[in-house]
């Protein structure tokens, strides 16, 4: 599940600060085919592309 940052982004440019809030850190658990253990893949994804990122295999 993605979680948006709640902290205020400090920037002198309001447009840049508004655009930065559209990005989210997504962490996905991936199972290894060799050992069966889980590893985690982290990525910074635009909020419109989160479902596409999680649907990838």
Protein backbone atom coordinates (compact mmCIF):
# COMPACT_ATOMS: atom_id res chain seq x y z
CA UNK A 1 0.00 0.00 0.00
CA UNK A 2 1.31 3.43 -0.87
CA UNK A 3 1.44 6.19 1.69
CA UNK A 4 1.70 9.87 0.83
CA UNK A 5 4.12 12.05 2.76
CA UNK A 6 2.43 14.18 5.39
CA UNK A 7 5.36 16.50 6.05
CA UNK A 8 5.47 19.89 4.42
CA UNK A 9 7.90 20.21 1.54
CA UNK A 10 10.01 23.30 2.04
CA UNK A 11 10.75 25.06 -1.20
CA UNK A 12 10.81 28.64 -2.31
CA UNK A 13 9.05 27.64 -5.52
CA UNK A 14 5.43 26.65 -4.83
CA UNK A 15 5.09 24.89 -8.19
CA UNK A 16 8.03 22.56 -7.43
CA UNK A 17 6.66 21.83 -3.96
CA UNK A 18 3.23 20.97 -5.38
CA UNK A 19 4.76 18.62 -7.99
CA UNK A 20 6.88 16.83 -5.37
CA UNK A 21 3.75 15.75 -3.50
CA UNK A 22 2.69 13.69 -6.54
CA UNK A 23 5.50 11.15 -5.97
CA UNK A 24 5.23 8.21 -3.56
CA UNK A 25 7.69 5.62 -2.25
CA UNK A 26 6.36 2.13 -3.00
CA UNK A 27 7.77 -1.04 -1.41
CA UNK A 28 6.93 -4.40 -2.97
CA UNK A 29 7.77 -7.86 -1.60
CA UNK A 30 9.24 -10.19 -4.24
CA UNK A 31 9.77 -13.91 -3.67
CA UNK A 32 13.09 -15.40 -4.82
CA UNK A 33 12.77 -18.38 -7.16
CA UNK A 34 15.98 -19.99 -5.81
CA UNK A 35 15.58 -19.80 -2.04
CA UNK A 36 11.91 -18.91 -1.62
CA UNK A 37 12.84 -15.98 0.63
CA UNK A 38 11.25 -12.60 0.20
CA UNK A 39 13.19 -9.50 -0.82
CA UNK A 40 11.87 -5.97 -1.02
CA UNK A 41 11.99 -3.66 -4.03
CA UNK A 42 11.68 0.05 -3.30
CA UNK A 43 10.93 2.69 -5.87
CA UNK A 44 9.76 6.29 -6.10
CA UNK A 45 6.72 6.28 -8.39
CA UNK A 46 4.33 8.95 -9.61
CA UNK A 47 0.97 8.57 -7.89
CA UNK A 48 -0.77 7.85 -11.23
CA UNK A 49 1.54 4.88 -11.94
CA UNK A 50 1.32 3.04 -8.58
CA UNK A 51 -1.12 0.35 -9.76
CA UNK A 52 1.03 -0.32 -12.85
CA UNK A 53 4.15 -0.70 -10.69
CA UNK A 54 2.46 -3.15 -8.32
CA UNK A 55 1.01 -5.16 -11.22
CA UNK A 56 4.49 -5.87 -12.67
CA UNK A 57 6.07 -9.24 -12.09
